[in-house]
Amino acid sequence: MAINLKNLAVGDWGKIVGFDKSGKAYRKRLLAMGLTPGTEFSITRFAPMGDPVEIKLRGFSLTLRKAEAAILLIEKL
C-alpha cells in the first residue's frame, strides 16, 4: 500500500513506488533529481512547520517542499 511522505517520521526509511496522477507538473522535475521508482531513502528532518522535508538518498541530501513531496507514493521499509 502506497503512503505519502508526511506519514513517515525522522529516521524512517521508505522506497518510492510511483507518483500521484495529480502531480504531472512536478513529476519530470522529481525524476531529474533522482527520485525514480525503486529508490530507497531515509527521512533526515522536517522543518518546524513541516515544510520543507529533507531526505537522504544515493549519498546526498535533498530538500523537498510539501507540494513536491505530496505527489510521491511511498512504501515504508
Foldseek 3Di string as FASTA:
>chain_A
DWDAPVVDDAFWKKFFQDWAPVPPVCVVVCVVVVNDGGWMWGWHDAPPVRAWTWIDTPHDIDIDGPSNRGGTTIDTD
